[in-house]
């Protein structure tokens, strides 16, 4: 790897260990084995490097999620919803630093227009991916109503489950708990009639 890539990987390591707000240029240099001058040469500023590192962390998170959801296992439950939540929770446990980084990206985007624009651009694709996973319909065949309802609801549930697992894993819901809760809510009389397009 060249210095540019070394810096990016070092910045990501520092973010995972210390968090975005507490990562300094010296932390990045120590983690990357480079020097302070190389940050300015390759990225212009520490802030630009940190933004690039956060965007790269989002990509890593997406890849980790995709692998976790696509992997075939012999002990997979037949229920696709249970399988989905087992894999999501398994990914939170095995890739905690990536999931934490995804939360920090959201917080930091409030003060970083470039980061916020990148997140906003990916939001629709995220909803579409979530809707496809839940319905089994290929992404390019989904209608906008399903993306906005099913995709948005699934994304909201993931955020809530993530918050519980990152905050208090000892009492966080299991995959079975989440699925039972979703089905209980879905079985409430009149609930389906209130959702457009469902």
N, C-alpha and C. Protein backbone atom coordinates (compact mmCIF):
# COMPACT_ATOMS: atom_id res chain seq x y z
N UNK A 1 0.84 -1.20 0.00
CA UNK A 1 0.00 0.00 0.00
C UNK A 1 0.87 1.25 0.00
N UNK A 2 0.41 2.30 -0.66
CA UNK A 2 1.08 3.58 -0.62
C UNK A 2 0.66 4.36 0.61
N UNK A 3 1.28 5.52 0.81
CA UNK A 3 0.96 6.34 1.97
C UNK A 3 -0.50 6.73 2.03
N UNK A 4 -1.11 7.02 0.86
CA UNK A 4 -2.51 7.44 0.85
C UNK A 4 -3.41 6.35 1.44
N UNK A 5 -3.22 5.12 0.99
CA UNK A 5 -4.02 4.00 1.50
C UNK A 5 -3.65 3.68 2.94
N UNK A 6 -2.36 3.79 3.28
CA UNK A 6 -1.93 3.57 4.67
C UNK A 6 -2.65 4.56 5.60
N UNK A 7 -2.73 5.81 5.17
CA UNK A 7 -3.40 6.83 5.97
C UNK A 7 -4.87 6.51 6.15
N UNK A 8 -5.52 6.08 5.06
CA UNK A 8 -6.95 5.76 5.13
C UNK A 8 -7.20 4.61 6.11
N UNK A 9 -6.40 3.56 5.99
CA UNK A 9 -6.57 2.41 6.88
C UNK A 9 -6.23 2.77 8.32
N UNK A 10 -5.19 3.59 8.50
CA UNK A 10 -4.82 4.03 9.84
C UNK A 10 -5.91 4.89 10.47
N UNK A 11 -6.51 5.77 9.66
CA UNK A 11 -7.59 6.62 10.17
C UNK A 11 -8.79 5.77 10.58
N UNK A 12 -9.09 4.75 9.80
CA UNK A 12 -10.21 3.87 10.16
C UNK A 12 -9.92 3.13 11.46
N UNK A 13 -8.70 2.62 11.60
CA UNK A 13 -8.34 1.93 12.85
C UNK A 13 -8.47 2.88 14.04
N UNK A 14 -7.99 4.11 13.87
CA UNK A 14 -8.06 5.08 14.97
C UNK A 14 -9.51 5.42 15.30
N UNK A 15 -10.36 5.55 14.29
CA UNK A 15 -11.77 5.84 14.52
C UNK A 15 -12.43 4.70 15.28
N UNK A 16 -12.13 3.45 14.88
CA UNK A 16 -12.72 2.30 15.56
C UNK A 16 -12.28 2.22 17.03
N UNK A 17 -11.03 2.60 17.28
CA UNK A 17 -10.49 2.51 18.64
C UNK A 17 -10.89 3.70 19.52
N UNK A 18 -10.87 4.92 18.95
CA UNK A 18 -11.08 6.13 19.75
C UNK A 18 -12.36 6.88 19.44
N UNK A 19 -12.97 6.58 18.28
CA UNK A 19 -14.13 7.34 17.86
C UNK A 19 -13.70 8.53 17.01
N UNK A 20 -14.58 8.99 16.15
CA UNK A 20 -14.28 10.08 15.24
C UNK A 20 -13.87 11.35 15.99
N UNK A 21 -14.66 11.73 16.99
CA UNK A 21 -14.45 13.00 17.67
C UNK A 21 -13.14 13.05 18.44
N UNK A 22 -12.61 11.90 18.84
CA UNK A 22 -11.39 11.87 19.66
C UNK A 22 -10.14 11.47 18.87
N UNK A 23 -10.29 11.26 17.56
CA UNK A 23 -9.14 10.88 16.75
C UNK A 23 -8.37 12.12 16.31
N UNK A 24 -7.07 12.12 16.54
CA UNK A 24 -6.22 13.25 16.16
C UNK A 24 -5.31 12.84 15.01
N UNK A 25 -4.67 13.83 14.42
CA UNK A 25 -3.71 13.56 13.34
C UNK A 25 -2.60 12.65 13.84
N UNK A 26 -2.15 12.88 15.07
CA UNK A 26 -1.09 12.04 15.62
C UNK A 26 -1.54 10.59 15.81
N UNK A 27 -2.80 10.39 16.16
CA UNK A 27 -3.34 9.03 16.27
C UNK A 27 -3.28 8.33 14.92
N UNK A 28 -3.65 9.07 13.88
CA UNK A 28 -3.66 8.50 12.52
C UNK A 28 -2.24 8.14 12.08
N UNK A 29 -1.30 9.04 12.35
CA UNK A 29 0.10 8.79 11.99
C UNK A 29 0.62 7.56 12.72
N UNK A 30 0.31 7.44 14.00
CA UNK A 30 0.76 6.29 14.78
C UNK A 30 0.16 4.99 14.25
N UNK A 31 -1.12 5.03 13.86
CA UNK A 31 -1.79 3.83 13.37
C UNK A 31 -1.38 3.46 11.95
N UNK A 32 -0.92 4.45 11.19
CA UNK A 32 -0.62 4.20 9.79
C UNK A 32 0.87 4.03 9.49
N UNK A 33 1.74 4.45 10.45
CA UNK A 33 3.17 4.36 10.21
C UNK A 33 3.67 5.38 9.20
N UNK A 34 2.92 6.47 9.05
CA UNK A 34 3.31 7.52 8.10
C UNK A 34 3.81 8.74 8.87
N UNK A 35 3.63 9.94 8.32
CA UNK A 35 4.04 11.16 9.01
C UNK A 35 2.97 12.24 8.83
N UNK A 36 3.05 13.27 9.66
CA UNK A 36 2.04 14.32 9.64
C UNK A 36 1.95 15.02 8.29
N UNK A 37 3.08 15.25 7.65
CA UNK A 37 3.07 15.96 6.37
C UNK A 37 2.30 15.19 5.29
N UNK A 38 2.29 13.87 5.39
CA UNK A 38 1.62 13.07 4.35
C UNK A 38 0.10 13.25 4.40
N UNK A 39 -0.46 13.61 5.55
CA UNK A 39 -1.91 13.86 5.63
C UNK A 39 -2.27 15.03 4.73
N UNK A 40 -1.54 16.15 4.88
CA UNK A 40 -1.80 17.32 4.05
C UNK A 40 -1.54 17.06 2.58
N UNK A 41 -0.49 16.31 2.29
CA UNK A 41 -0.13 16.03 0.90
C UNK A 41 -1.21 15.20 0.20
N UNK A 42 -1.70 14.16 0.87
CA UNK A 42 -2.63 13.23 0.23
C UNK A 42 -4.10 13.62 0.39
N UNK A 43 -4.45 14.26 1.51
CA UNK A 43 -5.87 14.54 1.79
C UNK A 43 -6.19 16.02 2.00
N UNK A 44 -5.19 16.85 2.13
CA UNK A 44 -5.43 18.27 2.32
C UNK A 44 -5.57 18.67 3.77
N UNK A 45 -6.27 17.86 4.55
CA UNK A 45 -6.47 18.15 5.97
C UNK A 45 -6.86 16.88 6.71
N UNK A 46 -6.73 16.93 8.02
CA UNK A 46 -7.13 15.79 8.85
C UNK A 46 -8.63 15.55 8.73
N UNK A 47 -9.41 16.64 8.67
CA UNK A 47 -10.87 16.50 8.55
C UNK A 47 -11.25 15.78 7.26
N UNK A 48 -10.59 16.12 6.15
CA UNK A 48 -10.88 15.46 4.87
C UNK A 48 -10.53 13.97 4.95
N UNK A 49 -9.42 13.66 5.59
CA UNK A 49 -9.02 12.27 5.75
C UNK A 49 -10.03 11.52 6.61
N UNK A 50 -10.46 12.13 7.70
CA UNK A 50 -11.44 11.49 8.57
C UNK A 50 -12.76 11.26 7.83
N UNK A 51 -13.17 12.22 7.01
CA UNK A 51 -14.39 12.05 6.22
C UNK A 51 -14.24 10.87 5.27
N UNK A 52 -13.11 10.79 4.58
CA UNK A 52 -12.85 9.66 3.68
C UNK A 52 -12.86 8.35 4.44
N UNK A 53 -12.28 8.36 5.64
CA UNK A 53 -12.24 7.13 6.46
C UNK A 53 -13.64 6.72 6.90
N UNK A 54 -14.46 7.69 7.26
CA UNK A 54 -15.84 7.36 7.66
C UNK A 54 -16.63 6.80 6.48
N UNK A 55 -16.46 7.38 5.31
CA UNK A 55 -17.16 6.86 4.12
C UNK A 55 -16.67 5.45 3.79
N UNK A 56 -15.39 5.22 3.95
CA UNK A 56 -14.84 3.88 3.72
C UNK A 56 -15.38 2.90 4.76
N UNK A 57 -15.56 3.37 6.00
CA UNK A 57 -16.12 2.51 7.06
C UNK A 57 -17.56 2.13 6.73
N UNK A 58 -18.31 3.06 6.13
CA UNK A 58 -19.68 2.75 5.72
C UNK A 58 -19.67 1.63 4.68
N UNK A 59 -18.74 1.73 3.72
CA UNK A 59 -18.63 0.68 2.71
C UNK A 59 -18.28 -0.66 3.35
N UNK A 60 -17.35 -0.64 4.31
CA UNK A 60 -16.98 -1.87 5.02
C UNK A 60 -18.19 -2.46 5.73
N UNK A 61 -18.97 -1.58 6.37
CA UNK A 61 -20.16 -2.01 7.08
C UNK A 61 -21.14 -2.66 6.12
N UNK A 62 -21.34 -2.02 4.96
CA UNK A 62 -22.26 -2.57 3.96
C UNK A 62 -21.81 -3.94 3.47
N UNK A 63 -20.52 -4.07 3.24
CA UNK A 63 -19.98 -5.35 2.79
C UNK A 63 -20.14 -6.43 3.86
N UNK A 64 -19.86 -6.07 5.11
CA UNK A 64 -20.00 -7.03 6.21
C UNK A 64 -21.45 -7.47 6.35
N UNK A 65 -22.37 -6.50 6.22
CA UNK A 65 -23.79 -6.85 6.30
C UNK A 65 -24.19 -7.75 5.16
N UNK A 66 -23.76 -7.39 3.96
CA UNK A 66 -24.10 -8.20 2.79
C UNK A 66 -23.61 -9.62 2.91
N UNK A 67 -22.38 -9.79 3.39
CA UNK A 67 -21.82 -11.13 3.57
C UNK A 67 -22.59 -11.90 4.64
N UNK A 68 -22.90 -11.22 5.73
CA UNK A 68 -23.62 -11.88 6.82
C UNK A 68 -24.99 -12.36 6.36
N UNK A 69 -25.66 -11.57 5.54
CA UNK A 69 -27.01 -11.92 5.10
C UNK A 69 -27.02 -12.93 3.97
N UNK A 70 -25.96 -12.96 3.16
CA UNK A 70 -25.94 -13.84 1.99
C UNK A 70 -25.36 -15.22 2.29
N UNK A 71 -24.58 -15.33 3.34
CA UNK A 71 -23.89 -16.58 3.65
C UNK A 71 -24.88 -17.72 3.93
N UNK A 72 -24.66 -18.85 3.26
CA UNK A 72 -25.49 -20.03 3.49
C UNK A 72 -24.87 -20.87 4.60
N UNK A 73 -25.71 -21.28 5.56
CA UNK A 73 -25.22 -22.10 6.67
C UNK A 73 -26.08 -23.33 6.84
N UNK A 74 -25.46 -24.40 7.30
CA UNK A 74 -26.19 -25.65 7.48
C UNK A 74 -27.24 -25.55 8.57
N UNK A 75 -26.98 -24.71 9.59
CA UNK A 75 -27.91 -24.63 10.72
C UNK A 75 -28.91 -23.47 10.58
N UNK A 76 -29.07 -22.95 9.36
CA UNK A 76 -30.02 -21.85 9.15
C UNK A 76 -31.44 -22.31 9.47
N UNK A 77 -32.21 -21.46 10.19
CA UNK A 77 -33.62 -21.79 10.38
C UNK A 77 -34.39 -21.64 9.07
N UNK A 78 -35.47 -22.39 8.94
CA UNK A 78 -36.27 -22.32 7.71
C UNK A 78 -36.98 -20.97 7.58
N UNK A 79 -37.30 -20.35 8.70
CA UNK A 79 -38.01 -19.08 8.70
C UNK A 79 -37.07 -17.97 8.22
N UNK A 80 -37.36 -17.34 7.05
CA UNK A 80 -36.45 -16.32 6.53
C UNK A 80 -36.34 -15.08 7.42
N UNK A 81 -37.42 -14.72 8.13
CA UNK A 81 -37.37 -13.56 9.00
C UNK A 81 -36.46 -13.82 10.19
N UNK A 82 -36.57 -15.01 10.76
CA UNK A 82 -35.71 -15.38 11.89
C UNK A 82 -34.24 -15.45 11.43
N UNK A 83 -34.02 -16.01 10.26
CA UNK A 83 -32.66 -16.09 9.71
C UNK A 83 -32.08 -14.68 9.54
N UNK A 84 -32.87 -13.77 9.01
CA UNK A 84 -32.42 -12.39 8.81
C UNK A 84 -31.99 -11.76 10.12
N UNK A 85 -32.83 -11.86 11.15
CA UNK A 85 -32.51 -11.21 12.43
C UNK A 85 -31.37 -11.91 13.16
N UNK A 86 -31.24 -13.22 13.01
CA UNK A 86 -30.09 -13.91 13.60
C UNK A 86 -28.79 -13.38 12.99
N UNK A 87 -28.82 -13.15 11.70
CA UNK A 87 -27.61 -12.67 11.03
C UNK A 87 -27.31 -11.22 11.36
N UNK A 88 -28.34 -10.40 11.45
CA UNK A 88 -28.14 -9.00 11.82
C UNK A 88 -27.51 -8.92 13.21
N UNK A 89 -28.10 -9.61 14.16
CA UNK A 89 -27.59 -9.58 15.53
C UNK A 89 -26.21 -10.21 15.61
N UNK A 90 -25.99 -11.29 14.85
CA UNK A 90 -24.67 -11.90 14.81
C UNK A 90 -23.63 -10.93 14.28
N UNK A 91 -24.01 -10.13 13.29
CA UNK A 91 -23.09 -9.14 12.72
C UNK A 91 -22.79 -8.02 13.73
N UNK A 92 -23.80 -7.62 14.49
CA UNK A 92 -23.58 -6.59 15.52
C UNK A 92 -22.57 -7.11 16.55
N UNK A 93 -22.69 -8.36 16.91
CA UNK A 93 -21.78 -8.93 17.91
C UNK A 93 -20.38 -9.11 17.37
N UNK A 94 -20.25 -9.53 16.11
CA UNK A 94 -18.92 -9.83 15.56
C UNK A 94 -18.23 -8.61 14.94
N UNK A 95 -18.99 -7.60 14.55
CA UNK A 95 -18.42 -6.40 13.93
C UNK A 95 -18.86 -5.15 14.68
N UNK A 96 -18.76 -5.19 16.00
CA UNK A 96 -19.26 -4.09 16.83
C UNK A 96 -18.66 -2.74 16.44
N UNK A 97 -17.36 -2.71 16.17
CA UNK A 97 -16.71 -1.43 15.85
C UNK A 97 -17.26 -0.84 14.56
N UNK A 98 -17.58 -1.69 13.59
CA UNK A 98 -18.16 -1.19 12.35
C UNK A 98 -19.54 -0.60 12.59
N UNK A 99 -20.36 -1.28 13.39
CA UNK A 99 -21.70 -0.78 13.68
C UNK A 99 -21.64 0.52 14.48
N UNK A 100 -20.70 0.60 15.44
CA UNK A 100 -20.51 1.84 16.18
C UNK A 100 -20.11 2.97 15.25
N UNK A 101 -19.23 2.67 14.29
CA UNK A 101 -18.81 3.68 13.33
C UNK A 101 -19.99 4.17 12.51
N UNK A 102 -20.91 3.26 12.17
CA UNK A 102 -22.08 3.67 11.38
C UNK A 102 -22.96 4.65 12.16
N UNK A 103 -23.04 4.46 13.47
CA UNK A 103 -23.80 5.39 14.32
C UNK A 103 -23.08 6.73 14.38
N UNK A 104 -21.76 6.68 14.55
CA UNK A 104 -21.00 7.92 14.65
C UNK A 104 -21.03 8.70 13.35
N UNK A 105 -21.06 8.00 12.23
CA UNK A 105 -21.18 8.67 10.93
C UNK A 105 -22.43 9.53 10.91
N UNK A 106 -23.52 8.98 11.39
CA UNK A 106 -24.78 9.71 11.41
C UNK A 106 -24.67 10.97 12.27
N UNK A 107 -24.07 10.85 13.43
CA UNK A 107 -23.93 11.99 14.33
C UNK A 107 -23.03 13.05 13.71
N UNK A 108 -21.90 12.63 13.17
CA UNK A 108 -20.94 13.58 12.59
C UNK A 108 -21.47 14.25 11.34
N UNK A 109 -22.38 13.60 10.63
CA UNK A 109 -22.90 14.18 9.38
C UNK A 109 -23.67 15.48 9.63
N UNK A 110 -24.12 15.68 10.85
CA UNK A 110 -24.83 16.92 11.19
C UNK A 110 -23.91 18.13 11.01
N UNK A 111 -22.62 17.93 11.17
CA UNK A 111 -21.65 19.02 11.08
C UNK A 111 -20.74 18.89 9.86
N UNK A 112 -21.05 17.95 8.97
CA UNK A 112 -20.20 17.70 7.82
C UNK A 112 -21.10 17.52 6.59
N UNK A 113 -21.32 18.59 5.82
CA UNK A 113 -22.24 18.51 4.67
C UNK A 113 -21.89 17.43 3.66
N UNK A 114 -20.61 17.20 3.42
CA UNK A 114 -20.21 16.18 2.45
C UNK A 114 -20.62 14.79 2.93
N UNK A 115 -20.39 14.53 4.20
CA UNK A 115 -20.77 13.25 4.78
C UNK A 115 -22.29 13.08 4.76
N UNK A 116 -22.99 14.15 5.10
CA UNK A 116 -24.45 14.09 5.12
C UNK A 116 -25.02 13.83 3.73
N UNK A 117 -24.44 14.46 2.71
CA UNK A 117 -24.90 14.24 1.34
C UNK A 117 -24.70 12.79 0.92
N UNK A 118 -23.57 12.21 1.32
CA UNK A 118 -23.29 10.81 1.00
C UNK A 118 -24.30 9.88 1.67
N UNK A 119 -24.61 10.18 2.93
CA UNK A 119 -25.59 9.36 3.65
C UNK A 119 -26.97 9.47 3.03
N UNK A 120 -27.36 10.70 2.71
CA UNK A 120 -28.68 10.93 2.12
C UNK A 120 -28.80 10.19 0.78
N UNK A 121 -27.72 10.21 0.00
CA UNK A 121 -27.74 9.54 -1.30
C UNK A 121 -27.92 8.03 -1.13
N UNK A 122 -27.39 7.48 -0.05
CA UNK A 122 -27.49 6.04 0.17
C UNK A 122 -28.75 5.59 0.89
N UNK A 123 -29.52 6.54 1.41
CA UNK A 123 -30.70 6.18 2.20
C UNK A 123 -31.75 5.43 1.38
N UNK A 124 -32.02 5.92 0.18
CA UNK A 124 -33.02 5.26 -0.67
C UNK A 124 -32.57 3.84 -1.02
N UNK A 125 -31.28 3.70 -1.34
CA UNK A 125 -30.77 2.37 -1.66
C UNK A 125 -30.86 1.45 -0.45
N UNK A 126 -30.65 2.00 0.75
CA UNK A 126 -30.78 1.21 1.96
C UNK A 126 -32.20 0.71 2.17
N UNK A 127 -33.16 1.61 1.96
CA UNK A 127 -34.57 1.20 2.09
C UNK A 127 -34.92 0.12 1.07
N UNK A 128 -34.43 0.31 -0.13
CA UNK A 128 -34.70 -0.66 -1.20
C UNK A 128 -34.12 -2.02 -0.84
N UNK A 129 -32.89 -2.03 -0.34
CA UNK A 129 -32.25 -3.29 0.05
C UNK A 129 -32.99 -3.98 1.18
N UNK A 130 -33.42 -3.19 2.16
CA UNK A 130 -34.18 -3.76 3.28
C UNK A 130 -35.50 -4.36 2.79
N UNK A 131 -36.19 -3.64 1.91
CA UNK A 131 -37.47 -4.13 1.38
C UNK A 131 -37.27 -5.42 0.59
N UNK A 132 -36.20 -5.49 -0.18
CA UNK A 132 -35.93 -6.69 -0.97
C UNK A 132 -35.65 -7.89 -0.06
N UNK A 133 -34.89 -7.66 1.02
CA UNK A 133 -34.58 -8.75 1.95
C UNK A 133 -35.84 -9.30 2.61
N UNK A 134 -36.74 -8.40 2.98
CA UNK A 134 -37.94 -8.82 3.70
C UNK A 134 -38.96 -9.48 2.77
N UNK A 135 -39.15 -8.91 1.57
CA UNK A 135 -40.20 -9.41 0.68
C UNK A 135 -39.74 -10.53 -0.24
N UNK A 136 -38.42 -10.61 -0.47
CA UNK A 136 -37.93 -11.59 -1.42
C UNK A 136 -38.06 -11.14 -2.87
N UNK A 137 -38.50 -9.90 -3.07
CA UNK A 137 -38.66 -9.34 -4.42
C UNK A 137 -37.34 -8.68 -4.82
N UNK A 138 -36.82 -8.93 -6.01
CA UNK A 138 -35.58 -8.27 -6.45
C UNK A 138 -35.72 -6.75 -6.38
N UNK A 139 -34.62 -6.08 -6.05
CA UNK A 139 -34.65 -4.63 -5.86
C UNK A 139 -35.20 -3.88 -7.07
N UNK A 140 -34.84 -4.33 -8.27
CA UNK A 140 -35.28 -3.60 -9.47
C UNK A 140 -36.75 -3.83 -9.81
N UNK A 141 -37.42 -4.71 -9.05
CA UNK A 141 -38.84 -4.96 -9.29
C UNK A 141 -39.73 -4.35 -8.20
N UNK A 142 -39.13 -3.73 -7.21
CA UNK A 142 -39.90 -3.15 -6.11
C UNK A 142 -40.57 -1.85 -6.53
N UNK A 143 -41.80 -1.63 -6.05
CA UNK A 143 -42.46 -0.35 -6.29
C UNK A 143 -42.11 0.61 -5.15
N UNK A 144 -42.30 1.90 -5.40
CA UNK A 144 -41.90 2.93 -4.43
C UNK A 144 -42.67 2.84 -3.11
N UNK A 145 -43.93 2.42 -3.17
CA UNK A 145 -44.72 2.31 -1.93
C UNK A 145 -44.11 1.25 -1.02
N UNK A 146 -43.74 0.12 -1.56
CA UNK A 146 -43.13 -0.94 -0.76
C UNK A 146 -41.78 -0.49 -0.19
N UNK A 147 -41.01 0.23 -1.00
CA UNK A 147 -39.72 0.72 -0.53
C UNK A 147 -39.92 1.69 0.64
N UNK A 148 -40.89 2.61 0.50
CA UNK A 148 -41.10 3.62 1.54
C UNK A 148 -41.75 3.05 2.80
N UNK A 149 -42.58 2.03 2.66
CA UNK A 149 -43.24 1.46 3.84
C UNK A 149 -42.42 0.32 4.44
N UNK A 150 -42.29 -0.75 3.71
CA UNK A 150 -41.58 -1.93 4.22
C UNK A 150 -40.11 -1.63 4.45
N UNK A 151 -39.46 -1.00 3.47
CA UNK A 151 -38.04 -0.69 3.60
C UNK A 151 -37.75 0.25 4.75
N UNK A 152 -38.57 1.29 4.88
CA UNK A 152 -38.37 2.26 5.97
C UNK A 152 -38.60 1.62 7.33
N UNK A 153 -39.65 0.80 7.44
CA UNK A 153 -39.95 0.16 8.72
C UNK A 153 -38.83 -0.81 9.12
N UNK A 154 -38.33 -1.56 8.15
CA UNK A 154 -37.25 -2.52 8.43
C UNK A 154 -35.98 -1.77 8.88
N UNK A 155 -35.68 -0.66 8.21
CA UNK A 155 -34.51 0.13 8.57
C UNK A 155 -34.67 0.70 9.98
N UNK A 156 -35.89 1.15 10.30
CA UNK A 156 -36.14 1.69 11.64
C UNK A 156 -35.97 0.62 12.70
N UNK A 157 -36.45 -0.59 12.42
CA UNK A 157 -36.30 -1.68 13.39
C UNK A 157 -34.83 -2.04 13.59
N UNK A 158 -34.07 -2.05 12.49
CA UNK A 158 -32.65 -2.35 12.61
C UNK A 158 -31.95 -1.33 13.49
N UNK A 159 -32.29 -0.05 13.31
CA UNK A 159 -31.68 1.00 14.13
C UNK A 159 -32.00 0.81 15.60
N UNK A 160 -33.24 0.45 15.89
CA UNK A 160 -33.65 0.24 17.28
C UNK A 160 -32.98 -0.97 17.91
N UNK A 161 -32.91 -2.06 17.17
CA UNK A 161 -32.24 -3.27 17.68
C UNK A 161 -30.75 -2.98 17.87
N UNK A 162 -30.16 -2.27 16.92
CA UNK A 162 -28.75 -1.91 17.04
C UNK A 162 -28.49 -1.09 18.30
N UNK A 163 -29.31 -0.10 18.55
CA UNK A 163 -29.15 0.75 19.74
C UNK A 163 -29.18 -0.09 21.01
N UNK A 164 -30.10 -1.02 21.08
CA UNK A 164 -30.22 -1.87 22.27
C UNK A 164 -29.00 -2.76 22.44
N UNK A 165 -28.51 -3.34 21.33
CA UNK A 165 -27.36 -4.23 21.42
C UNK A 165 -26.07 -3.48 21.75
N UNK A 166 -25.92 -2.27 21.23
CA UNK A 166 -24.70 -1.50 21.53
C UNK A 166 -24.71 -0.95 22.95
N UNK A 167 -25.91 -0.64 23.46
CA UNK A 167 -26.02 -0.03 24.78
C UNK A 167 -26.00 -1.06 25.90
N UNK A 168 -26.79 -2.12 25.75
CA UNK A 168 -26.92 -3.10 26.83
C UNK A 168 -27.13 -4.50 26.26
N UNK A 169 -26.07 -5.12 25.75
CA UNK A 169 -26.23 -6.43 25.12
C UNK A 169 -26.78 -7.52 26.05
N UNK A 170 -26.60 -7.34 27.34
CA UNK A 170 -27.09 -8.36 28.28
C UNK A 170 -28.60 -8.49 28.27
N UNK A 171 -29.31 -7.39 28.01
CA UNK A 171 -30.78 -7.44 28.01
C UNK A 171 -31.37 -7.15 26.63
N UNK A 172 -30.52 -7.05 25.61
CA UNK A 172 -31.02 -6.76 24.25
C UNK A 172 -31.84 -7.94 23.74
N UNK A 173 -32.80 -7.67 22.85
CA UNK A 173 -33.66 -8.75 22.35
C UNK A 173 -32.91 -9.73 21.45
N UNK A 174 -33.30 -10.98 21.55
CA UNK A 174 -32.75 -12.00 20.66
C UNK A 174 -33.47 -11.91 19.31
N UNK A 175 -32.98 -12.66 18.34
CA UNK A 175 -33.66 -12.71 17.04
C UNK A 175 -35.08 -13.23 17.21
N UNK A 176 -35.23 -14.22 18.09
CA UNK A 176 -36.57 -14.78 18.33
C UNK A 176 -37.50 -13.74 18.95
N UNK A 177 -36.96 -12.92 19.87
CA UNK A 177 -37.77 -11.86 20.49
C UNK A 177 -38.24 -10.86 19.44
N UNK A 178 -37.32 -10.45 18.56
CA UNK A 178 -37.66 -9.45 17.54
C UNK A 178 -38.73 -9.99 16.61
N UNK A 179 -38.56 -11.22 16.14
CA UNK A 179 -39.53 -11.82 15.22
C UNK A 179 -40.90 -11.97 15.89
N UNK A 180 -40.91 -12.42 17.15
CA UNK A 180 -42.18 -12.56 17.87
C UNK A 180 -42.86 -11.21 18.02
N UNK A 181 -42.08 -10.16 18.30
CA UNK A 181 -42.65 -8.82 18.43
C UNK A 181 -43.22 -8.31 17.12
N UNK A 182 -42.49 -8.52 16.03
CA UNK A 182 -42.97 -8.08 14.71
C UNK A 182 -44.28 -8.78 14.37
N UNK A 183 -44.32 -10.07 14.63
CA UNK A 183 -45.54 -10.83 14.29
C UNK A 183 -46.71 -10.45 15.18
N UNK A 184 -46.41 -10.13 16.43
CA UNK A 184 -47.49 -9.69 17.32
C UNK A 184 -48.06 -8.36 16.85
N UNK A 185 -47.18 -7.44 16.45
CA UNK A 185 -47.65 -6.16 15.92
C UNK A 185 -48.42 -6.35 14.62
N UNK A 186 -47.92 -7.23 13.77
CA UNK A 186 -48.59 -7.48 12.49
C UNK A 186 -49.93 -8.16 12.63
N UNK A 187 -50.14 -8.85 13.75
CA UNK A 187 -51.41 -9.54 13.96
C UNK A 187 -52.49 -8.69 14.59
N UNK A 188 -52.14 -7.44 14.93
CA UNK A 188 -53.15 -6.56 15.55
C UNK A 188 -54.26 -6.25 14.56
N UNK A 189 -55.51 -6.34 14.96
CA UNK A 189 -56.64 -6.11 14.06
C UNK A 189 -56.56 -4.71 13.45
N UNK A 190 -56.77 -4.66 12.14
CA UNK A 190 -56.85 -3.38 11.45
C UNK A 190 -55.52 -2.76 11.09
N UNK A 191 -54.41 -3.34 11.58
CA UNK A 191 -53.11 -2.72 11.34
C UNK A 191 -52.75 -2.74 9.86
N UNK A 192 -52.97 -3.87 9.19
CA UNK A 192 -52.63 -3.96 7.77
C UNK A 192 -53.48 -3.03 6.91
N UNK A 193 -54.71 -2.80 7.34
CA UNK A 193 -55.60 -1.91 6.57
C UNK A 193 -55.11 -0.47 6.59
N UNK A 194 -54.30 -0.12 7.60
CA UNK A 194 -53.84 1.26 7.73
C UNK A 194 -52.60 1.56 6.90
N UNK A 195 -51.94 0.49 6.36
CA UNK A 195 -50.71 0.70 5.60
C UNK A 195 -51.01 0.80 4.11
N UNK A 196 -50.63 1.90 3.49
CA UNK A 196 -50.90 2.05 2.05
C UNK A 196 -50.13 1.05 1.23
N UNK A 197 -50.80 0.43 0.27
CA UNK A 197 -50.15 -0.47 -0.66
C UNK A 197 -49.81 -1.83 -0.10
N UNK A 198 -50.20 -2.13 1.14
CA UNK A 198 -49.87 -3.43 1.73
C UNK A 198 -51.09 -4.33 1.72
